[in-house]
Amino acid sequence: MANITIEEIQSTAKEVQSEAVQTTQKAVRLQLGVIGLAYDAIVNVLENSNEFVNRAIERGERIEASAKHEFEKYYNRAEEQVDTLQTRVTGIVKRADKAVEENVEIATDMTIAAKNKVTTAVDEMVPELEAPIANYDSMTAKEVIAQLSELTTDELTAVKIYEVANQNRVTIVREVNSKLESAEEVAA
């Protein structure tokens, strides 16, 4: 089996996580875009209908007696078209919402699957590590950091490897890295 470093595993995990986040973001943007387009379409239909009605009323005022029958016919037709379009848009929005929900579910499932694969890969490749400090797993980040100044460079490295492989608390990893960098500067 090829030797794979924790950094490579972390890099792969970050790439998978990034892809999952991007897919989720795209799904959310798709849903927002569909809703926005549907809203624009409804506004456009309503604006066009209002313009038609206003022109019909103005024309009706000029020749009310002869145009009354035509106005009612066109007005009723416009209302039917608006109702039809609203029904269509509502259907489109519902189908788009469903598609977006399905895509979000797929992206979520992919994220969970990727995380499970990474966890499984890490579990298979990284041997069971012993805690570098007694009672380490029950200690808070603050308690661990308080003990770091007493450790050697090798012990700090062991803390970092154990922390990354287990709880991966950023504050501890950052502090260990800082102490390791300081030790390198002193050694140089």
C-alpha atoms as a PDB file:
ATOM      1  CA  MET A   1       0.000   0.000   0.000  1.00  0.00           C
ATOM      2  CA  ALA A   2       1.386   3.428  -0.924  1.00  0.00           C
ATOM      3  CA  ASN A   3       2.403   5.742   1.910  1.00  0.00           C
ATOM      4  CA  ILE A   4      -0.089   8.563   2.143  1.00  0.00           C
ATOM      5  CA  THR A   5       0.583  11.485   4.441  1.00  0.00           C
ATOM      6  CA  ILE A   6      -1.928  13.198   6.654  1.00  0.00           C
ATOM      7  CA  GLU A   7      -1.366  16.353   4.603  1.00  0.00           C
ATOM      8  CA  GLU A   8      -2.410  14.473   1.452  1.00  0.00           C
ATOM      9  CA  ILE A   9      -5.481  13.138   3.216  1.00  0.00           C
ATOM     10  CA  GLN A  10      -6.303  16.633   4.504  1.00  0.00           C
ATOM     11  CA  SER A  11      -5.771  18.058   1.027  1.00  0.00           C
ATOM     12  CA  THR A  12      -8.056  15.444  -0.508  1.00  0.00           C
ATOM     13  CA  ALA A  13     -10.663  16.044   2.181  1.00  0.00           C
ATOM     14  CA  LYS A  14     -10.507  19.799   1.573  1.00  0.00           C
ATOM     15  CA  GLU A  15     -10.894  19.283  -2.186  1.00  0.00           C
ATOM     16  CA  VAL A  16     -13.902  16.998  -1.701  1.00  0.00           C
ATOM     17  CA  GLN A  17     -15.404  19.412   0.796  1.00  0.00           C
ATOM     18  CA  SER A  18     -14.785  22.343  -1.560  1.00  0.00           C
ATOM     19  CA  GLU A  19     -16.466  20.510  -4.434  1.00  0.00           C
ATOM     20  CA  ALA A  20     -19.442  19.674  -2.235  1.00  0.00           C
ATOM     21  CA  VAL A  21     -19.733  23.294  -1.078  1.00  0.00           C
ATOM     22  CA  GLN A  22     -19.523  24.522  -4.679  1.00  0.00           C
ATOM     23  CA  THR A  23     -22.205  22.046  -5.773  1.00  0.00           C
ATOM     24  CA  THR A  24     -24.448  23.137  -2.901  1.00  0.00           C
ATOM     25  CA  GLN A  25     -23.836  26.799  -3.727  1.00  0.00           C
ATOM     26  CA  LYS A  26     -24.727  26.154  -7.371  1.00  0.00           C
ATOM     27  CA  ALA A  27     -27.930  24.389  -6.314  1.00  0.00           C
ATOM     28  CA  VAL A  28     -28.910  27.315  -4.080  1.00  0.00           C
ATOM     29  CA  ARG A  29     -28.064  29.814  -6.843  1.00  0.00           C
ATOM     30  CA  LEU A  30     -30.172  27.783  -9.293  1.00  0.00           C
ATOM     31  CA  GLN A  31     -33.142  27.910  -6.954  1.00  0.00           C
ATOM     32  CA  LEU A  32     -32.744  31.645  -6.382  1.00  0.00           C
ATOM     33  CA  GLY A  33     -32.317  32.250 -10.110  1.00  0.00           C
ATOM     34  CA  VAL A  34     -35.471  30.307 -10.972  1.00  0.00           C
ATOM     35  CA  ILE A  35     -37.465  32.189  -8.365  1.00  0.00           C
ATOM     36  CA  GLY A  36     -36.086  35.504  -9.637  1.00  0.00           C
ATOM     37  CA  LEU A  37     -36.890  34.651 -13.253  1.00  0.00           C
ATOM     38  CA  ALA A  38     -40.400  33.551 -12.279  1.00  0.00           C
ATOM     39  CA  TYR A  39     -40.903  36.801 -10.389  1.00  0.00           C
ATOM     40  CA  ASP A  40     -39.650  38.816 -13.382  1.00  0.00           C
ATOM     41  CA  ALA A  41     -42.024  36.934 -15.677  1.00  0.00           C
ATOM     42  CA  ILE A  42     -45.016  37.589 -13.418  1.00  0.00           C
ATOM     43  CA  VAL A  43     -44.141  41.293 -13.097  1.00  0.00           C
ATOM     44  CA  ASN A  44     -43.774  41.540 -16.878  1.00  0.00           C
ATOM     45  CA  VAL A  45     -47.137  39.840 -17.459  1.00  0.00           C
ATOM     46  CA  LEU A  46     -48.819  42.119 -14.928  1.00  0.00           C
ATOM     47  CA  GLU A  47     -47.226  45.249 -16.387  1.00  0.00           C
ATOM     48  CA  ASN A  48     -48.295  44.256 -19.897  1.00  0.00           C
ATOM     49  CA  SER A  49     -51.806  43.486 -18.683  1.00  0.00           C
ATOM     50  CA  ASN A  50     -52.080  46.841 -16.903  1.00  0.00           C
ATOM     51  CA  GLU A  51     -50.869  48.668 -20.021  1.00  0.00           C
ATOM     52  CA  PHE A  52     -53.458  46.831 -22.145  1.00  0.00           C
ATOM     53  CA  VAL A  53     -56.235  47.660 -19.678  1.00  0.00           C
ATOM     54  CA  ASN A  54     -55.244  51.346 -19.540  1.00  0.00           C
ATOM     55  CA  ARG A  55     -55.227  51.647 -23.334  1.00  0.00           C
ATOM     56  CA  ALA A  56     -58.562  49.869 -23.501  1.00  0.00           C
ATOM     57  CA  ILE A  57     -60.059  52.260 -20.939  1.00  0.00           C
ATOM     58  CA  GLU A  58     -58.786  55.357 -22.827  1.00  0.00           C
ATOM     59  CA  ARG A  59     -60.178  53.999 -26.070  1.00  0.00           C
ATOM     60  CA  GLY A  60     -63.406  53.132 -24.296  1.00  0.00           C
ATOM     61  CA  GLU A  61     -63.792  56.711 -23.068  1.00  0.00           C
ATOM     62  CA  ARG A  62     -63.546  58.022 -26.646  1.00  0.00           C
ATOM     63  CA  ILE A  63     -65.877  55.568 -28.246  1.00  0.00           C
ATOM     64  CA  GLU A  64     -67.521  53.902 -25.266  1.00  0.00           C
ATOM     65  CA  ALA A  65     -70.725  52.892 -26.951  1.00  0.00           C
ATOM     66  CA  SER A  66     -69.141  51.075 -29.904  1.00  0.00           C
ATOM     67  CA  ALA A  67     -66.102  49.661 -28.043  1.00  0.00           C
ATOM     68  CA  LYS A  68     -67.744  48.299 -24.874  1.00  0.00           C
ATOM     69  CA  HIS A  69     -68.343  44.850 -26.305  1.00  0.00           C
ATOM     70  CA  GLU A  70     -64.785  44.599 -27.765  1.00  0.00           C
ATOM     71  CA  PHE A  71     -63.206  45.856 -24.553  1.00  0.00           C
ATOM     72  CA  GLU A  72     -64.929  43.198 -22.459  1.00  0.00           C
ATOM     73  CA  LYS A  73     -63.886  40.519 -24.930  1.00  0.00           C
ATOM     74  CA  TYR A  74     -60.208  41.601 -24.867  1.00  0.00           C
ATOM     75  CA  TYR A  75     -60.181  42.166 -21.134  1.00  0.00           C
ATOM     76  CA  ASN A  76     -61.567  38.708 -20.467  1.00  0.00           C
ATOM     77  CA  ARG A  77     -59.048  37.185 -22.860  1.00  0.00           C
ATOM     78  CA  ALA A  78     -56.197  39.039 -21.116  1.00  0.00           C
ATOM     79  CA  GLU A  79     -57.348  37.801 -17.730  1.00  0.00           C
ATOM     80  CA  GLU A  80     -57.482  34.250 -19.039  1.00  0.00           C
ATOM     81  CA  GLN A  81     -53.966  34.631 -20.446  1.00  0.00           C
ATOM     82  CA  VAL A  82     -52.700  36.064 -17.161  1.00  0.00           C
ATOM     83  CA  ASP A  83     -54.346  33.198 -15.273  1.00  0.00           C
ATOM     84  CA  THR A  84     -52.880  30.700 -17.720  1.00  0.00           C
ATOM     85  CA  LEU A  85     -49.424  32.253 -17.474  1.00  0.00           C
ATOM     86  CA  GLN A  86     -49.614  32.445 -13.699  1.00  0.00           C
ATOM     87  CA  THR A  87     -50.608  28.783 -13.588  1.00  0.00           C
ATOM     88  CA  ARG A  88     -47.716  27.889 -15.900  1.00  0.00           C
ATOM     89  CA  VAL A  89     -45.225  29.979 -13.921  1.00  0.00           C
ATOM     90  CA  THR A  90     -46.446  28.452 -10.673  1.00  0.00           C
ATOM     91  CA  GLY A  91     -45.949  24.992 -12.167  1.00  0.00           C
ATOM     92  CA  ILE A  92     -42.480  25.914 -13.418  1.00  0.00           C
ATOM     93  CA  VAL A  93     -41.519  27.329 -10.016  1.00  0.00           C
ATOM     94  CA  LYS A  94     -42.799  24.213  -8.251  1.00  0.00           C
ATOM     95  CA  ARG A  95     -40.875  21.930 -10.619  1.00  0.00           C
ATOM     96  CA  ALA A  96     -37.752  24.104 -10.256  1.00  0.00           C
ATOM     97  CA  ASP A  97     -38.081  24.060  -6.455  1.00  0.00           C
ATOM     98  CA  LYS A  98     -38.382  20.289  -6.536  1.00  0.00           C
ATOM     99  CA  ALA A  99     -35.358  19.994  -8.848  1.00  0.00           C
ATOM    100  CA  VAL A 100     -33.316  22.306  -6.610  1.00  0.00           C
ATOM    101  CA  GLU A 101     -34.339  20.358  -3.512  1.00  0.00           C
ATOM    102  CA  GLU A 102     -33.330  17.132  -5.236  1.00  0.00           C
ATOM    103  CA  ASN A 103     -29.985  18.672  -6.250  1.00  0.00           C
ATOM    104  CA  VAL A 104     -29.402  19.909  -2.708  1.00  0.00           C
ATOM    105  CA  GLU A 105     -30.207  16.423  -1.418  1.00  0.00           C
ATOM    106  CA  ILE A 106     -27.823  14.902  -3.952  1.00  0.00           C
ATOM    107  CA  ALA A 107     -25.097  17.404  -3.030  1.00  0.00           C
ATOM    108  CA  THR A 108     -25.679  16.696   0.662  1.00  0.00           C
ATOM    109  CA  ASP A 109     -25.556  12.949   0.052  1.00  0.00           C
ATOM    110  CA  MET A 110     -22.355  13.407  -1.981  1.00  0.00           C
ATOM    111  CA  THR A 111     -20.821  15.472   0.829  1.00  0.00           C
ATOM    112  CA  ILE A 112     -21.729  12.858   3.413  1.00  0.00           C
ATOM    113  CA  ALA A 113     -20.444  10.054   1.177  1.00  0.00           C
ATOM    114  CA  ALA A 114     -17.182  11.932   0.536  1.00  0.00           C
ATOM    115  CA  LYS A 115     -16.738  12.601   4.235  1.00  0.00           C
ATOM    116  CA  ASN A 116     -17.400   8.933   4.992  1.00  0.00           C
ATOM    117  CA  LYS A 117     -14.889   7.865   2.329  1.00  0.00           C
ATOM    118  CA  VAL A 118     -12.257  10.214   3.726  1.00  0.00           C
ATOM    119  CA  THR A 119     -12.946   9.031   7.259  1.00  0.00           C
ATOM    120  CA  THR A 120     -12.754   5.407   6.139  1.00  0.00           C
ATOM    121  CA  ALA A 121      -9.539   6.077   4.213  1.00  0.00           C
ATOM    122  CA  VAL A 122      -8.008   7.814   7.201  1.00  0.00           C
ATOM    123  CA  ASP A 123      -9.105   5.000   9.507  1.00  0.00           C
ATOM    124  CA  GLU A 124      -7.605   2.409   7.153  1.00  0.00           C
ATOM    125  CA  MET A 125      -4.334   4.251   6.520  1.00  0.00           C
ATOM    126  CA  VAL A 126      -3.580   5.808   9.881  1.00  0.00           C
ATOM    127  CA  PRO A 127      -2.700   3.340  12.590  1.00  0.00           C
ATOM    128  CA  GLU A 128      -4.384   3.669  15.956  1.00  0.00           C
ATOM    129  CA  LEU A 129      -2.423   6.436  17.651  1.00  0.00           C
ATOM    130  CA  GLU A 130      -1.791   6.634  21.347  1.00  0.00           C
ATOM    131  CA  ALA A 131      -2.643   9.869  23.100  1.00  0.00           C
ATOM    132  CA  PRO A 132       0.544  11.948  23.436  1.00  0.00           C
ATOM    133  CA  ILE A 133      -0.480  13.269  26.880  1.00  0.00           C
ATOM    134  CA  ALA A 134      -2.239  11.367  29.669  1.00  0.00           C
ATOM    135  CA  ASN A 135      -6.038  11.923  29.597  1.00  0.00           C
ATOM    136  CA  TYR A 136      -5.632  13.886  26.334  1.00  0.00           C
ATOM    137  CA  ASP A 137      -9.042  12.976  24.916  1.00  0.00           C
ATOM    138  CA  SER A 138     -10.857  14.382  27.945  1.00  0.00           C
ATOM    139  CA  MET A 139      -8.894  17.660  27.980  1.00  0.00           C
ATOM    140  CA  THR A 140     -10.177  20.963  26.609  1.00  0.00           C
ATOM    141  CA  ALA A 141      -8.147  22.841  24.005  1.00  0.00           C
ATOM    142  CA  LYS A 142      -7.141  25.321  26.689  1.00  0.00           C
ATOM    143  CA  GLU A 143      -5.856  22.544  28.954  1.00  0.00           C
ATOM    144  CA  VAL A 144      -3.836  20.971  26.112  1.00  0.00           C
ATOM    145  CA  ILE A 145      -2.325  24.328  25.096  1.00  0.00           C
ATOM    146  CA  ALA A 146      -1.309  24.966  28.712  1.00  0.00           C
ATOM    147  CA  GLN A 147       0.888  21.827  28.618  1.00  0.00           C
ATOM    148  CA  LEU A 148       2.533  22.434  25.221  1.00  0.00           C
ATOM    149  CA  SER A 149       5.382  24.586  26.539  1.00  0.00           C
ATOM    150  CA  GLU A 150       6.688  21.590  28.535  1.00  0.00           C
ATOM    151  CA  LEU A 151       6.976  19.299  25.478  1.00  0.00           C
ATOM    152  CA  THR A 152       9.909  18.525  23.209  1.00  0.00           C
ATOM    153  CA  THR A 153       9.782  19.014  19.450  1.00  0.00           C
ATOM    154  CA  ASP A 154       9.070  15.302  18.936  1.00  0.00           C
ATOM    155  CA  GLU A 155       6.293  15.397  21.531  1.00  0.00           C
ATOM    156  CA  LEU A 156       4.799  18.523  19.886  1.00  0.00           C
ATOM    157  CA  THR A 157       4.827  16.699  16.543  1.00  0.00           C
ATOM    158  CA  ALA A 158       3.084  13.730  18.182  1.00  0.00           C
ATOM    159  CA  VAL A 159       0.421  16.076  19.618  1.00  0.00           C
ATOM    160  CA  LYS A 160      -0.136  17.611  16.182  1.00  0.00           C
ATOM    161  CA  ILE A 161      -0.471  14.230  14.440  1.00  0.00           C
ATOM    162  CA  TYR A 162      -2.810  12.907  17.125  1.00  0.00           C
ATOM    163  CA  GLU A 163      -4.947  16.066  17.158  1.00  0.00           C
ATOM    164  CA  VAL A 164      -5.292  16.202  13.358  1.00  0.00           C
ATOM    165  CA  ALA A 165      -6.196  12.511  13.217  1.00  0.00           C
ATOM    166  CA  ASN A 166      -8.794  12.810  15.988  1.00  0.00           C
ATOM    167  CA  GLN A 167     -10.534  16.024  17.026  1.00  0.00           C
ATOM    168  CA  ASN A 168      -8.635  18.393  14.708  1.00  0.00           C
ATOM    169  CA  ARG A 169      -9.122  21.435  16.936  1.00  0.00           C
ATOM    170  CA  VAL A 170      -7.746  24.428  15.063  1.00  0.00           C
ATOM    171  CA  THR A 171      -6.590  26.282  18.167  1.00  0.00           C
ATOM    172  CA  ILE A 172      -4.395  23.377  19.274  1.00  0.00           C
ATOM    173  CA  VAL A 173      -2.941  22.741  15.804  1.00  0.00           C
ATOM    174  CA  ARG A 174      -2.214  26.459  15.370  1.00  0.00           C
ATOM    175  CA  GLU A 175      -0.457  26.652  18.762  1.00  0.00           C
ATOM    176  CA  VAL A 176       1.588  23.503  18.096  1.00  0.00           C
ATOM    177  CA  ASN A 177       2.638  24.884  14.692  1.00  0.00           C
ATOM    178  CA  SER A 178       3.665  28.144  16.346  1.00  0.00           C
ATOM    179  CA  LYS A 179       5.780  26.322  18.923  1.00  0.00           C
ATOM    180  CA  LEU A 180       7.366  24.108  16.248  1.00  0.00           C
ATOM    181  CA  GLU A 181       8.226  27.183  14.159  1.00  0.00           C
ATOM    182  CA  SER A 182       9.770  28.846  17.215  1.00  0.00           C
ATOM    183  CA  ALA A 183      11.829  25.716  17.883  1.00  0.00           C
ATOM    184  CA  GLU A 184      13.046  25.704  14.256  1.00  0.00           C
ATOM    185  CA  GLU A 185      14.077  29.380  14.512  1.00  0.00           C
ATOM    186  CA  VAL A 186      15.999  28.686  17.727  1.00  0.00           C
ATOM    187  CA  ALA A 187      17.702  25.672  16.134  1.00  0.00           C
ATOM    188  CA  ALA A 188      18.704  27.683  13.052  1.00  0.00           C
END
